[in-house]
Amino acid sequence: MIKVYGKENCSKCLSLKNILTDRNIEFEYIEDMKSLMIVASKARIMSAPVIEYNDNVYTMEAFLKVI
């Protein structure tokens, strides 16, 4: 399962959700700042959204290359 950690009023988060929905890719969207900060800090990612997929953590740009 793809987990997308985002935050409120995030244009990149909305864009990624739209891309995944348009491609009929199932995902879980988590809008919780504490969870976002924990996952992002472990992966040293400094901006939302942060994507967790197949035991890896990606920035939006890196994830779009994977899918």
PDB file of N, CA and C in Angstrom:
ATOM      1  N   MET A   1       0.845  -1.191   0.000  1.00  0.00           N
ATOM      2  CA  MET A   1       0.000   0.000   0.000  1.00  0.00           C
ATOM      3  C   MET A   1       0.882   1.242   0.000  1.00  0.00           C
ATOM      4  N   ILE A   2       0.508   2.191  -0.794  1.00  0.00           N
ATOM      5  CA  ILE A   2       1.213   3.473  -0.861  1.00  0.00           C
ATOM      6  C   ILE A   2       0.645   4.369   0.233  1.00  0.00           C
ATOM      7  N   LYS A   3       1.528   4.962   1.016  1.00  0.00           N
ATOM      8  CA  LYS A   3       1.107   5.921   2.036  1.00  0.00           C
ATOM      9  C   LYS A   3       1.662   7.290   1.646  1.00  0.00           C
ATOM     10  N   VAL A   4       0.778   8.260   1.565  1.00  0.00           N
ATOM     11  CA  VAL A   4       1.168   9.623   1.237  1.00  0.00           C
ATOM     12  C   VAL A   4       0.956  10.470   2.489  1.00  0.00           C
ATOM     13  N   TYR A   5       2.039  11.059   2.980  1.00  0.00           N
ATOM     14  CA  TYR A   5       1.958  11.952   4.134  1.00  0.00           C
ATOM     15  C   TYR A   5       1.956  13.379   3.602  1.00  0.00           C
ATOM     16  N   GLY A   6       0.891  14.098   3.913  1.00  0.00           N
ATOM     17  CA  GLY A   6       0.767  15.456   3.413  1.00  0.00           C
ATOM     18  C   GLY A   6       0.338  16.404   4.506  1.00  0.00           C
ATOM     19  N   LYS A   7       0.103  17.637   4.096  1.00  0.00           N
ATOM     20  CA  LYS A   7      -0.364  18.627   5.061  1.00  0.00           C
ATOM     21  C   LYS A   7      -1.444  19.487   4.415  1.00  0.00           C
ATOM     22  N   GLU A   8      -2.161  20.182   5.268  1.00  0.00           N
ATOM     23  CA  GLU A   8      -3.264  21.016   4.827  1.00  0.00           C
ATOM     24  C   GLU A   8      -2.760  22.145   3.915  1.00  0.00           C
ATOM     25  N   ASN A   9      -3.542  22.482   2.910  1.00  0.00           N
ATOM     26  CA  ASN A   9      -3.237  23.572   1.974  1.00  0.00           C
ATOM     27  C   ASN A   9      -1.909  23.380   1.242  1.00  0.00           C
ATOM     28  N   CYS A  10      -1.565  22.140   0.927  1.00  0.00           N
ATOM     29  CA  CYS A  10      -0.313  21.830   0.228  1.00  0.00           C
ATOM     30  C   CYS A  10      -0.642  21.542  -1.237  1.00  0.00           C
ATOM     31  N   SER A  11      -0.193  22.408  -2.140  1.00  0.00           N
ATOM     32  CA  SER A  11      -0.522  22.245  -3.559  1.00  0.00           C
ATOM     33  C   SER A  11       0.130  20.999  -4.153  1.00  0.00           C
ATOM     34  N   LYS A  12       1.351  20.682  -3.726  1.00  0.00           N
ATOM     35  CA  LYS A  12       2.012  19.473  -4.236  1.00  0.00           C
ATOM     36  C   LYS A  12       1.303  18.218  -3.739  1.00  0.00           C
ATOM     37  N   CYS A  13       0.801  18.252  -2.518  1.00  0.00           N
ATOM     38  CA  CYS A  13       0.057  17.110  -1.971  1.00  0.00           C
ATOM     39  C   CYS A  13      -1.216  16.881  -2.784  1.00  0.00           C
ATOM     40  N   LEU A  14      -1.937  17.956  -3.068  1.00  0.00           N
ATOM     41  CA  LEU A  14      -3.157  17.856  -3.866  1.00  0.00           C
ATOM     42  C   LEU A  14      -2.843  17.354  -5.264  1.00  0.00           C
ATOM     43  N   SER A  15      -1.775  17.850  -5.843  1.00  0.00           N
ATOM     44  CA  SER A  15      -1.364  17.427  -7.180  1.00  0.00           C
ATOM     45  C   SER A  15      -1.055  15.933  -7.212  1.00  0.00           C
ATOM     46  N   LEU A  16      -0.318  15.445  -6.219  1.00  0.00           N
ATOM     47  CA  LEU A  16       0.016  14.024  -6.165  1.00  0.00           C
ATOM     48  C   LEU A  16      -1.236  13.173  -5.974  1.00  0.00           C
ATOM     49  N   LYS A  17      -2.141  13.614  -5.105  1.00  0.00           N
ATOM     50  CA  LYS A  17      -3.391  12.867  -4.907  1.00  0.00           C
ATOM     51  C   LYS A  17      -4.158  12.772  -6.226  1.00  0.00           C
ATOM     52  N   ASN A  18      -4.191  13.852  -6.983  1.00  0.00           N
ATOM     53  CA  ASN A  18      -4.893  13.850  -8.270  1.00  0.00           C
ATOM     54  C   ASN A  18      -4.225  12.909  -9.269  1.00  0.00           C
ATOM     55  N   ILE A  19      -2.905  12.899  -9.314  1.00  0.00           N
ATOM     56  CA  ILE A  19      -2.168  12.017 -10.227  1.00  0.00           C
ATOM     57  C   ILE A  19      -2.468  10.558  -9.900  1.00  0.00           C
ATOM     58  N   LEU A  20      -2.395  10.201  -8.629  1.00  0.00           N
ATOM     59  CA  LEU A  20      -2.643   8.820  -8.219  1.00  0.00           C
ATOM     60  C   LEU A  20      -4.093   8.411  -8.498  1.00  0.00           C
ATOM     61  N   THR A  21      -5.026   9.303  -8.231  1.00  0.00           N
ATOM     62  CA  THR A  21      -6.439   9.023  -8.482  1.00  0.00           C
ATOM     63  C   THR A  21      -6.694   8.853  -9.982  1.00  0.00           C
ATOM     64  N   ASP A  22      -6.117   9.738 -10.795  1.00  0.00           N
ATOM     65  CA  ASP A  22      -6.288   9.660 -12.254  1.00  0.00           C
ATOM     66  C   ASP A  22      -5.737   8.356 -12.821  1.00  0.00           C
ATOM     67  N   ARG A  23      -4.690   7.825 -12.204  1.00  0.00           N
ATOM     68  CA  ARG A  23      -4.076   6.569 -12.671  1.00  0.00           C
ATOM     69  C   ARG A  23      -4.677   5.335 -11.999  1.00  0.00           C
ATOM     70  N   ASN A  24      -5.736   5.552 -11.220  1.00  0.00           N
ATOM     71  CA  ASN A  24      -6.408   4.458 -10.493  1.00  0.00           C
ATOM     72  C   ASN A  24      -5.444   3.675  -9.595  1.00  0.00           C
ATOM     73  N   ILE A  25      -4.535   4.395  -8.947  1.00  0.00           N
ATOM     74  CA  ILE A  25      -3.581   3.785  -8.026  1.00  0.00           C
ATOM     75  C   ILE A  25      -4.117   3.978  -6.601  1.00  0.00           C
ATOM     76  N   GLU A  26      -4.271   2.877  -5.887  1.00  0.00           N
ATOM     77  CA  GLU A  26      -4.771   2.967  -4.514  1.00  0.00           C
ATOM     78  C   GLU A  26      -3.688   3.526  -3.598  1.00  0.00           C
ATOM     79  N   PHE A  27      -4.109   4.392  -2.684  1.00  0.00           N
ATOM     80  CA  PHE A  27      -3.169   4.971  -1.725  1.00  0.00           C
ATOM     81  C   PHE A  27      -3.921   5.386  -0.478  1.00  0.00           C
ATOM     82  N   GLU A  28      -3.165   5.531   0.593  1.00  0.00           N
ATOM     83  CA  GLU A  28      -3.706   6.045   1.847  1.00  0.00           C
ATOM     84  C   GLU A  28      -3.123   7.433   2.042  1.00  0.00           C
ATOM     85  N   TYR A  29      -3.991   8.424   2.268  1.00  0.00           N
ATOM     86  CA  TYR A  29      -3.524   9.791   2.487  1.00  0.00           C
ATOM     87  C   TYR A  29      -3.578  10.092   3.978  1.00  0.00           C
ATOM     88  N   ILE A  30      -2.453  10.494   4.526  1.00  0.00           N
ATOM     89  CA  ILE A  30      -2.354  10.772   5.960  1.00  0.00           C
ATOM     90  C   ILE A  30      -2.015  12.242   6.136  1.00  0.00           C
ATOM     91  N   GLU A  31      -2.971  12.986   6.694  1.00  0.00           N
ATOM     92  CA  GLU A  31      -2.769  14.416   6.905  1.00  0.00           C
ATOM     93  C   GLU A  31      -2.603  14.657   8.404  1.00  0.00           C
ATOM     94  N   ASP A  32      -1.416  14.335   8.883  1.00  0.00           N
ATOM     95  CA  ASP A  32      -1.093  14.465  10.297  1.00  0.00           C
ATOM     96  C   ASP A  32       0.339  14.984  10.394  1.00  0.00           C
ATOM     97  N   MET A  33       0.480  16.177  10.896  1.00  0.00           N
ATOM     98  CA  MET A  33       1.810  16.816  10.915  1.00  0.00           C
ATOM     99  C   MET A  33       2.830  16.010  11.710  1.00  0.00           C
ATOM    100  N   LYS A  34       2.415  15.408  12.810  1.00  0.00           N
ATOM    101  CA  LYS A  34       3.362  14.637  13.621  1.00  0.00           C
ATOM    102  C   LYS A  34       3.885  13.440  12.823  1.00  0.00           C
ATOM    103  N   SER A  35       2.987  12.702  12.176  1.00  0.00           N
ATOM    104  CA  SER A  35       3.404  11.560  11.354  1.00  0.00           C
ATOM    105  C   SER A  35       4.291  12.009  10.200  1.00  0.00           C
ATOM    106  N   LEU A  36       3.895  13.102   9.554  1.00  0.00           N
ATOM    107  CA  LEU A  36       4.680  13.653   8.443  1.00  0.00           C
ATOM    108  C   LEU A  36       6.092  13.991   8.904  1.00  0.00           C
ATOM    109  N   MET A  37       6.208  14.661  10.030  1.00  0.00           N
ATOM    110  CA  MET A  37       7.528  15.076  10.527  1.00  0.00           C
ATOM    111  C   MET A  37       8.398  13.861  10.885  1.00  0.00           C
ATOM    112  N   ILE A  38       7.801  12.832  11.473  1.00  0.00           N
ATOM    113  CA  ILE A  38       8.564  11.638  11.861  1.00  0.00           C
ATOM    114  C   ILE A  38       9.117  10.934  10.627  1.00  0.00           C
ATOM    115  N   VAL A  39       8.252  10.670   9.651  1.00  0.00           N
ATOM    116  CA  VAL A  39       8.675   9.961   8.435  1.00  0.00           C
ATOM    117  C   VAL A  39       9.671  10.808   7.645  1.00  0.00           C
ATOM    118  N   ALA A  40       9.374  12.095   7.497  1.00  0.00           N
ATOM    119  CA  ALA A  40      10.248  12.983   6.717  1.00  0.00           C
ATOM    120  C   ALA A  40      11.619  13.135   7.360  1.00  0.00           C
ATOM    121  N   SER A  41      11.663  13.272   8.673  1.00  0.00           N
ATOM    122  CA  SER A  41      12.958  13.471   9.331  1.00  0.00           C
ATOM    123  C   SER A  41      13.830  12.226   9.239  1.00  0.00           C
ATOM    124  N   LYS A  42      13.220  11.035   9.334  1.00  0.00           N
ATOM    125  CA  LYS A  42      14.003   9.806   9.198  1.00  0.00           C
ATOM    126  C   LYS A  42      14.627   9.695   7.815  1.00  0.00           C
ATOM    127  N   ALA A  43      13.899  10.182   6.802  1.00  0.00           N
ATOM    128  CA  ALA A  43      14.384  10.090   5.425  1.00  0.00           C
ATOM    129  C   ALA A  43      15.126  11.363   4.984  1.00  0.00           C
ATOM    130  N   ARG A  44      15.200  12.321   5.891  1.00  0.00           N
ATOM    131  CA  ARG A  44      15.857  13.608   5.602  1.00  0.00           C
ATOM    132  C   ARG A  44      15.227  14.324   4.413  1.00  0.00           C
ATOM    133  N   ILE A  45      13.915  14.283   4.373  1.00  0.00           N
ATOM    134  CA  ILE A  45      13.142  14.990   3.350  1.00  0.00           C
ATOM    135  C   ILE A  45      12.551  16.220   4.015  1.00  0.00           C
ATOM    136  N   MET A  46      12.701  17.356   3.340  1.00  0.00           N
ATOM    137  CA  MET A  46      12.329  18.613   3.971  1.00  0.00           C
ATOM    138  C   MET A  46      11.026  19.226   3.466  1.00  0.00           C
ATOM    139  N   SER A  47      10.306  18.546   2.564  1.00  0.00           N
ATOM    140  CA  SER A  47       9.063  19.131   2.072  1.00  0.00           C
ATOM    141  C   SER A  47       8.009  18.055   1.840  1.00  0.00           C
ATOM    142  N   ALA A  48       6.771  18.457   1.997  1.00  0.00           N
ATOM    143  CA  ALA A  48       5.641  17.549   1.756  1.00  0.00           C
ATOM    144  C   ALA A  48       5.319  17.565   0.263  1.00  0.00           C
ATOM    145  N   PRO A  49       4.754  16.507  -0.243  1.00  0.00           N
ATOM    146  CA  PRO A  49       4.397  15.271   0.418  1.00  0.00           C
ATOM    147  C   PRO A  49       5.576  14.308   0.525  1.00  0.00           C
ATOM    148  N   VAL A  50       5.444  13.372   1.455  1.00  0.00           N
ATOM    149  CA  VAL A  50       6.425  12.302   1.631  1.00  0.00           C
ATOM    150  C   VAL A  50       5.674  10.996   1.379  1.00  0.00           C
ATOM    151  N   ILE A  51       6.249  10.122   0.576  1.00  0.00           N
ATOM    152  CA  ILE A  51       5.571   8.898   0.172  1.00  0.00           C
ATOM    153  C   ILE A  51       6.329   7.689   0.691  1.00  0.00           C
ATOM    154  N   GLU A  52       5.586   6.769   1.292  1.00  0.00           N
ATOM    155  CA  GLU A  52       6.141   5.518   1.785  1.00  0.00           C
ATOM    156  C   GLU A  52       5.609   4.407   0.876  1.00  0.00           C
ATOM    157  N   TYR A  53       6.526   3.656   0.247  1.00  0.00           N
ATOM    158  CA  TYR A  53       6.125   2.622  -0.707  1.00  0.00           C
ATOM    159  C   TYR A  53       7.184   1.534  -0.751  1.00  0.00           C
ATOM    160  N   ASN A  54       6.768   0.289  -0.572  1.00  0.00           N
ATOM    161  CA  ASN A  54       7.690  -0.866  -0.581  1.00  0.00           C
ATOM    162  C   ASN A  54       8.885  -0.669   0.355  1.00  0.00           C
ATOM    163  N   ASP A  55       8.625  -0.240   1.563  1.00  0.00           N
ATOM    164  CA  ASP A  55       9.660  -0.036   2.590  1.00  0.00           C
ATOM    165  C   ASP A  55      10.685   1.036   2.230  1.00  0.00           C
ATOM    166  N   ASN A  56      10.355   1.906   1.285  1.00  0.00           N
ATOM    167  CA  ASN A  56      11.205   3.044   0.938  1.00  0.00           C
ATOM    168  C   ASN A  56      10.418   4.324   1.147  1.00  0.00           C
ATOM    169  N   VAL A  57      11.141   5.418   1.320  1.00  0.00           N
ATOM    170  CA  VAL A  57      10.508   6.723   1.499  1.00  0.00           C
ATOM    171  C   VAL A  57      11.012   7.637   0.387  1.00  0.00           C
ATOM    172  N   TYR A  58      10.066   8.345  -0.245  1.00  0.00           N
ATOM    173  CA  TYR A  58      10.381   9.150  -1.425  1.00  0.00           C
ATOM    174  C   TYR A  58       9.857  10.576  -1.305  1.00  0.00           C
ATOM    175  N   THR A  59      10.519  11.481  -2.011  1.00  0.00           N
ATOM    176  CA  THR A  59       9.932  12.785  -2.277  1.00  0.00           C
ATOM    177  C   THR A  59       8.930  12.582  -3.405  1.00  0.00           C
ATOM    178  N   MET A  60       8.115  13.562  -3.668  1.00  0.00           N
ATOM    179  CA  MET A  60       7.140  13.440  -4.751  1.00  0.00           C
ATOM    180  C   MET A  60       7.839  13.207  -6.088  1.00  0.00           C
ATOM    181  N   GLU A  61       8.886  13.970  -6.350  1.00  0.00           N
ATOM    182  CA  GLU A  61       9.601  13.874  -7.627  1.00  0.00           C
ATOM    183  C   GLU A  61      10.218  12.495  -7.824  1.00  0.00           C
ATOM    184  N   ALA A  62      10.844  11.970  -6.795  1.00  0.00           N
ATOM    185  CA  ALA A  62      11.458  10.640  -6.888  1.00  0.00           C
ATOM    186  C   ALA A  62      10.390   9.559  -7.051  1.00  0.00           C
ATOM    187  N   PHE A  63       9.282   9.717  -6.368  1.00  0.00           N
ATOM    188  CA  PHE A  63       8.206   8.710  -6.445  1.00  0.00           C
ATOM    189  C   PHE A  63       7.582   8.660  -7.835  1.00  0.00           C
ATOM    190  N   LEU A  64       7.408   9.810  -8.457  1.00  0.00           N
ATOM    191  CA  LEU A  64       6.804   9.847  -9.791  1.00  0.00           C
ATOM    192  C   LEU A  64       7.678   9.111 -10.819  1.00  0.00           C
ATOM    193  N   LYS A  65       8.972   9.040 -10.581  1.00  0.00           N
ATOM    194  CA  LYS A  65       9.862   8.289 -11.469  1.00  0.00           C
ATOM    195  C   LYS A  65       9.708   6.787 -11.245  1.00  0.00           C
ATOM    196  N   VAL A  66       9.306   6.390 -10.040  1.00  0.00           N
ATOM    197  CA  VAL A  66       9.146   4.976  -9.685  1.00  0.00           C
ATOM    198  C   VAL A  66       7.851   4.406 -10.265  1.00  0.00           C
ATOM    199  N   ILE A  67       6.802   5.207 -10.225  1.00  0.00           N
ATOM    200  CA  ILE A  67       5.507   4.692 -10.715  1.00  0.00           C
ATOM    201  C   ILE A  67       5.428   4.974 -12.154  1.00  0.00           C
TER     202      ILE A  67
END
